[in-house]
Structures are given as structure tokens and as C-alpha cells.
Protein backbone atom coordinates (compact mmCIF):
# COMPACT_ATOMS: atom_id res chain seq x y z
CA UNK A 1 33.68 -6.54 42.11
CA UNK A 2 31.95 -4.37 39.51
CA UNK A 3 33.34 -1.54 37.41
CA UNK A 4 31.61 1.07 35.30
CA UNK A 5 32.59 4.12 33.29
CA UNK A 6 31.06 7.24 34.83
CA UNK A 7 30.08 9.03 31.65
CA UNK A 8 27.47 11.25 33.28
CA UNK A 9 30.09 13.08 35.34
CA UNK A 10 32.42 15.86 34.28
CA UNK A 11 35.63 17.04 35.90
CA UNK A 12 37.12 20.48 36.45
CA UNK A 13 40.68 21.29 37.51
CA UNK A 14 41.67 24.30 39.63
CA UNK A 15 45.40 24.93 39.80
CA UNK A 16 47.81 27.71 40.64
CA UNK A 17 49.25 29.39 43.71
CA UNK A 18 45.85 30.75 44.77
CA UNK A 19 43.72 27.72 43.88
CA UNK A 20 43.09 26.69 47.49
CA UNK A 21 42.19 30.20 48.65
CA UNK A 22 39.99 30.77 45.59
CA UNK A 23 37.97 27.59 46.14
CA UNK A 24 37.72 28.30 49.86
CA UNK A 25 36.08 31.64 49.05
CA UNK A 26 33.65 30.13 46.55
CA UNK A 27 32.54 26.80 48.00
CA UNK A 28 30.35 25.83 50.94
CA UNK A 29 33.12 23.95 52.79
CA UNK A 30 36.52 24.69 54.34
CA UNK A 31 39.11 24.14 51.63
CA UNK A 32 41.96 25.84 53.50
CA UNK A 33 42.20 22.93 55.96
CA UNK A 34 41.61 20.13 53.45
CA UNK A 35 44.40 17.55 53.69
CA UNK A 36 46.03 16.05 50.59
CA UNK A 37 44.61 12.61 51.42
CA UNK A 38 41.01 13.72 51.95
CA UNK A 39 38.20 14.56 49.55
CA UNK A 40 35.13 16.63 50.44
CA UNK A 41 31.66 17.13 49.11
CA UNK A 42 31.03 20.80 48.37
CA UNK A 43 28.43 23.05 46.86
CA UNK A 44 28.72 26.22 44.81
CA UNK A 45 25.84 28.62 45.28
CA UNK A 46 24.45 31.69 43.62
CA UNK A 47 24.14 34.95 45.54
CA UNK A 48 20.62 33.79 46.44
CA UNK A 49 21.99 30.64 48.10
CA UNK A 50 20.81 28.26 45.38
CA UNK A 51 23.06 25.40 44.29
CA UNK A 52 24.70 26.01 40.93
CA UNK A 53 26.66 22.75 41.24
CA UNK A 54 27.50 19.98 43.67
CA UNK A 55 31.10 18.80 43.69
CA UNK A 56 33.29 16.04 44.97
CA UNK A 57 36.44 18.05 45.67
CA UNK A 58 39.62 15.98 45.35
CA UNK A 59 43.19 17.23 45.98
CA UNK A 60 45.38 16.42 42.98
CA UNK A 61 49.04 17.41 42.86
CA UNK A 62 49.35 21.18 43.25
CA UNK A 63 45.65 21.73 42.62
CA UNK A 64 42.21 20.20 42.89
CA UNK A 65 39.82 18.16 40.77
CA UNK A 66 36.10 18.84 41.07
CA UNK A 67 33.69 16.14 39.97
CA UNK A 68 30.24 17.39 38.94
CA UNK A 69 27.43 16.57 36.56
CA UNK A 70 28.82 16.38 33.03
CA UNK A 71 26.17 18.68 31.61
CA UNK A 72 27.35 21.44 33.95
CA UNK A 73 31.11 21.07 33.43
CA UNK A 74 31.56 23.60 30.63
CA UNK A 75 29.18 26.32 31.88
CA UNK A 76 30.36 26.04 35.50
CA UNK A 77 34.03 26.24 34.44
CA UNK A 78 33.23 29.38 32.47
CA UNK A 79 31.22 30.96 35.27
CA UNK A 80 33.78 30.13 37.98
CA UNK A 81 36.50 31.73 35.85
CA UNK A 82 34.56 35.02 35.96
CA UNK A 83 35.34 35.28 39.69
CA UNK A 84 39.10 34.76 39.42
CA UNK A 85 39.94 38.44 38.82
CA UNK A 86 43.64 38.86 39.79
CA UNK A 87 43.99 35.56 41.66
CA UNK A 88 46.72 33.19 40.49
CA UNK A 89 44.43 30.31 39.60
CA UNK A 90 43.25 28.59 36.44
CA UNK A 91 39.98 26.69 36.18
CA UNK A 92 39.66 24.30 33.24
CA UNK A 93 37.31 21.58 32.04
CA UNK A 94 39.36 18.36 31.98
CA UNK A 95 36.47 15.94 31.48
CA UNK A 96 37.88 14.45 28.28
CA UNK A 97 41.40 13.93 29.62
CA UNK A 98 40.48 12.32 32.97
CA UNK A 99 38.44 9.10 32.61
CA UNK A 100 36.24 8.33 35.61
CA UNK A 101 35.30 4.91 36.93
CA UNK A 102 33.11 3.55 39.69
CA UNK A 103 34.43 0.39 41.38
CA UNK A 104 32.40 -1.43 44.01
CA UNK A 105 31.76 -4.81 45.61
CA UNK A 106 33.48 -7.28 47.91
CA UNK A 107 36.77 -7.31 46.00
CA UNK A 108 36.82 -3.61 45.06
CA UNK A 109 39.86 -2.89 47.22
CA UNK A 110 41.80 -5.73 45.63
CA UNK A 111 40.71 -4.49 42.23
CA UNK A 112 42.20 -1.09 42.96
CA UNK A 113 45.45 -2.67 44.06
CA UNK A 114 45.59 -4.60 40.79
CA UNK A 115 45.39 -1.22 39.04
CA UNK A 116 48.31 0.10 41.08
CA UNK A 117 46.39 1.99 43.77
CA UNK A 118 46.06 1.23 47.46
CA UNK A 119 42.48 1.39 48.68
CA UNK A 120 41.78 4.39 50.96
CA UNK A 121 40.79 3.14 54.42
CA UNK A 122 38.41 5.90 55.48
CA UNK A 123 35.34 7.44 53.88
CA UNK A 124 36.45 10.16 51.45
CA UNK A 125 40.06 9.09 51.89
CA UNK A 126 42.28 9.66 48.84
CA UNK A 127 45.24 7.73 47.44
CA UNK A 128 47.29 8.66 44.37
CA UNK A 129 49.77 6.74 42.23
CA UNK A 130 50.98 6.71 38.63
CA UNK A 131 48.66 9.48 37.51
CA UNK A 132 45.58 7.85 39.03
CA UNK A 133 43.51 8.88 42.03
CA UNK A 134 41.20 6.73 44.16
CA UNK A 135 38.55 8.06 46.55
CA UNK A 136 36.58 5.90 48.96
CA UNK A 137 32.95 6.85 48.45
CA UNK A 138 31.48 4.38 50.92
CA UNK A 139 31.81 0.82 52.15
CA UNK A 140 33.39 -1.28 49.38
CA UNK A 141 32.79 1.62 46.99
CA UNK A 142 35.45 3.70 45.20
CA UNK A 143 35.81 6.39 42.57
CA UNK A 144 38.89 6.16 40.36
CA UNK A 145 40.10 9.09 38.27
CA UNK A 146 42.55 8.54 35.44
CA UNK A 147 43.76 5.52 33.50
CA UNK A 148 42.49 4.05 30.25
CA UNK A 149 43.06 0.31 30.77
CA UNK A 150 39.98 -0.43 32.88
CA UNK A 151 37.40 -2.95 31.65
CA UNK A 152 33.82 -2.11 32.66
CA UNK A 153 31.44 -4.96 33.46
CA UNK A 154 28.40 -2.98 34.67
CA UNK A 155 26.25 -0.09 33.55
CA UNK A 156 26.43 3.35 35.11
CA UNK A 157 22.82 2.98 36.25
CA UNK A 158 24.03 0.46 38.85
CA UNK A 159 26.45 3.02 40.28
CA UNK A 160 23.79 5.74 40.25
CA UNK A 161 21.40 3.46 42.12
CA UNK A 162 24.02 3.05 44.85
CA UNK A 163 24.35 6.82 45.14
CA UNK A 164 20.57 7.18 45.38
CA UNK A 165 20.36 4.58 48.13
CA UNK A 166 23.14 6.41 50.00
CA UNK A 167 21.19 9.68 49.76
CA UNK A 168 23.92 11.51 47.87
CA UNK A 169 22.38 13.88 45.29
CA UNK A 170 23.97 15.49 42.26
CA UNK A 171 22.73 18.80 40.88
CA UNK A 172 22.28 18.58 37.10
CA UNK A 173 21.30 21.16 34.52
CA UNK A 174 17.65 20.26 35.16
CA UNK A 175 17.87 21.22 38.85
CA UNK A 176 20.53 23.94 38.78
CA UNK A 177 19.85 27.17 40.70
CA UNK A 178 16.66 25.82 42.32
CA UNK A 179 17.64 24.51 45.77
CA UNK A 180 19.38 25.79 48.85
CA UNK A 181 21.81 23.09 50.04
CA UNK A 182 19.59 21.92 52.91
CA UNK A 183 16.77 21.08 50.50
CA UNK A 184 19.14 18.52 48.97
CA UNK A 185 20.25 17.29 52.45
CA UNK A 186 23.69 18.52 51.50
CA UNK A 187 24.69 19.58 54.99
CA UNK A 188 23.84 16.07 56.23
CA UNK A 189 26.47 14.49 53.97
CA UNK A 190 29.22 16.95 54.89
CA UNK A 191 28.69 19.37 52.01
CA UNK A 192 28.22 22.56 54.08
CA UNK A 193 30.49 23.98 56.78
CA UNK A 194 28.68 26.51 58.96
CA UNK A 195 31.87 27.58 60.75
CA UNK A 196 33.82 28.83 57.74
CA UNK A 197 33.89 32.35 56.37
CA UNK A 198 31.85 33.89 53.62
CA UNK A 199 31.04 32.37 50.24
CA UNK A 200 28.36 33.27 47.67
CA UNK A 201 24.92 32.85 49.24
CA UNK A 202 26.35 32.13 52.71
CA UNK A 203 23.93 34.38 54.62
CA UNK A 204 20.89 32.78 53.02
CA UNK A 205 22.20 29.25 53.62
CA UNK A 206 22.91 30.09 57.28
CA UNK A 207 19.49 31.68 57.71
CA UNK A 208 17.82 28.57 56.33
CA UNK A 209 19.76 26.48 58.83
CA UNK A 210 19.20 28.50 61.99
CA UNK A 211 15.74 29.95 61.43
CA UNK A 212 14.02 26.74 60.33
CA UNK A 213 13.19 28.15 56.93
CA UNK A 214 13.58 24.87 55.03
CA UNK A 215 10.15 23.58 54.01
CA UNK A 216 11.37 20.94 51.57
CA UNK A 217 13.83 18.09 51.96
CA UNK A 218 15.39 15.27 49.94
CA UNK A 219 13.62 11.91 50.04
CA UNK A 220 14.19 8.56 48.40
CA UNK A 221 11.38 7.09 46.32
CA UNK A 222 10.48 3.93 44.45
CA UNK A 223 8.48 4.52 41.30
CA UNK A 224 6.54 2.16 39.00
CA UNK A 225 7.20 4.55 36.11
CA UNK A 226 10.52 6.04 34.94
CA UNK A 227 11.44 9.39 36.48
CA UNK A 228 13.84 12.01 35.13
CA UNK A 229 15.82 14.82 36.80
CA UNK A 230 13.84 18.01 36.92
CA UNK A 231 10.48 16.23 36.66
CA UNK A 232 7.74 17.67 38.85
CA UNK A 233 5.97 15.48 41.40
CA UNK A 234 2.54 15.94 42.98
CA UNK A 235 0.96 15.17 46.34
CA UNK A 236 -2.71 14.73 47.16
CA UNK A 237 -2.66 17.39 49.88
CA UNK A 238 -1.65 20.09 47.37
CA UNK A 239 -4.06 19.57 44.46
CA UNK A 240 -3.34 21.46 41.28
CA UNK A 241 0.27 22.34 42.06
CA UNK A 242 3.64 20.63 42.01
CA UNK A 243 4.96 19.63 45.43
CA UNK A 244 8.34 18.23 44.50
CA UNK A 245 11.15 17.81 41.97
CA UNK A 246 13.20 14.76 40.98
CA UNK A 247 16.95 15.23 41.39
CA UNK A 248 18.37 11.87 40.31
CA UNK A 249 16.80 8.59 39.17
CA UNK A 250 17.89 5.06 38.21
CA UNK A 251 16.40 1.56 38.10
CA UNK A 252 13.03 2.49 39.52
CA UNK A 253 14.35 4.59 42.42
CA UNK A 254 14.93 8.30 42.76
CA UNK A 255 16.03 11.14 45.01
CA UNK A 256 13.48 13.93 45.02
CA UNK A 257 12.97 17.17 46.89
CA UNK A 258 9.49 17.12 48.43
CA UNK A 259 7.42 19.29 50.74
CA UNK A 260 8.07 18.13 54.30
CA UNK A 261 4.47 18.74 55.33
CA UNK A 262 3.21 16.40 52.61
CA UNK A 263 5.47 13.59 53.80
CA UNK A 264 4.57 14.14 57.45
CA UNK A 265 0.88 14.06 56.51
CA UNK A 266 1.51 10.80 54.66
CA UNK A 267 -0.08 12.31 51.56
CA UNK A 268 0.44 10.10 48.48
CA UNK A 269 3.20 11.34 46.14
CA UNK A 270 2.56 10.84 42.43
CA UNK A 271 4.47 11.35 39.19
CA UNK A 272 1.27 12.74 37.67
CA UNK A 273 -2.03 13.81 39.13
CA UNK A 274 -4.18 10.71 39.46
CA UNK A 275 -1.23 8.39 38.81
CA UNK A 276 -0.04 5.52 40.97
CA UNK A 277 1.41 6.54 44.33
CA UNK A 278 5.18 6.39 44.75
CA UNK A 279 6.73 4.61 47.72
CA UNK A 280 8.80 6.67 50.15
CA UNK A 281 11.90 4.69 51.16
CA UNK A 282 14.33 5.23 54.06
CA UNK A 283 17.62 7.08 53.77
CA UNK A 284 20.74 6.05 55.73
CA UNK A 285 20.68 9.31 57.70
CA UNK A 286 18.11 11.53 59.39
CA UNK A 287 17.70 15.22 60.15
């Protein structure tokens, strides 16, 4: 089992009598039907359908916790609050009061039990006890929210690498307001519900889905040089212009949004024009 502190993530709390209805109207997924023992991935879009944030939405008591990139926690909390109007809901940045941990490996479930939490059995299942919350993120992989008596034995880069290999992207400040959800494969990991009602940008997101308007997709790469979120990438079939953007990177691997045509043409992808070609690696899902 390995444990790390997730310092690159922030946490928002939405609470109040109208919290569920408010989030349902704002996010890309159905919050009205979300059970207390289930988490969901969700996006929040601009009116132009571009992702302002990606969340892991977790029921917590009489409200919800929303995990997102730490550098977006304060501005997103402020911007979300602008849409509350007369609704009975409060959105606050609780990053500093809710420690976050990644726990993974063969004995991860037993490790959770030692911390007083039963391990959720299903993907995105949620358990809660003694002010702590556990969410199953994948096989032998858990997020724990709350508690200050956890000893970390691994770096956060190891956790991030696992997320990259699972094809689960996180919008950061460097990539905010640039991508419709499908460009980040967000509908493929359950982050978009096309049967729910309206939310900001819903018409554009639906049009991209049903009219085949998505020309870029999320790919996994291996790079001989360090990559950073927001960094432009280049392909040989589009000389003189950027053909992609890095979303997340760790330990020589990255998730990047690239032009589909370049990948299908097997054009080399490079971190800089004339640089060494990056290797395109498989994702655990397909579109």
C-alpha cells in the first residue's frame, strides 16, 4: 500500500437546502439523482461550452464536496457564488480544512479499514465515518478526504501518474476555458450526461457530440523531456503551428489534447519543432 498527500487538489463545499438543485443546474451531470454513497465526475462549463473546472463530486452530509485543481479552488468558488442569486446554498473553499490523500496498492482496502473507513466496493462508491470520506477511484485505488493522522510514504507524482494512465484529466489554470468536455474525453469517463436538462454551455456540448464537431481528443504520451500543463505540442503534418496542448504530466508521461487527424496520419508529435518525437500510448478506453 502507498499513501500520498494530494497537495495539488483543492476542495469546495456546497451546502444548504438548494445545494443539490443548484449544482444540478450548473454541472454537466445529473446531481438530482446522485445517491449518498456515490461520487461522480462532473464538469463546469462557460456559456461557450468550455471547461472552467473538472470536479469529483462527493456527497458529504447535507451537502457536497467538489475536488478540483488547487489553483482553481478560490476563483471557481467565487465565480460559482455569482450564480447563486436567491438560492439557499453556500459555496465555500474548504481546501485548508479538508486534507486529501491518495491511497493505492494491494493492501489499500485494509489500510482504509485501519483508518476507520470501510473500503467502497464499486468504482466511485463512497463510504463515510468519523468525519472522513473514502471514494474508490479505481481498482485498489482510493481517495480519502479528512483526517490528519495519515503518514505518507510516496510522492504525489506517483498518484498523478496513475491518473494519467487511467485517462482521467484534470483542468488546471493553464488549461481553463479552452476545451469542450469531449476534447478531454470527459464524456467517456462519465463526466457528461446528455439526458439531463440545461446547464451552462449545454447546447454547444450537445452539438459537439451529435454533429461530429470534435476535431481534437485526449491522448496519453511518453516524453523524453519534462512536459507541463498548458504547454503547446507540435506535429509534423501541421508545420509552423501548435497542434496540441498538455493537460497533465508526471514521471515522463502526460495527457494531452491533440488533433485527431495528426494521430490518425501517424504524424510525429513533438514538444518543440525539430525535437524528439513523443510516443503515443494506449488509454484504457476508446471512443
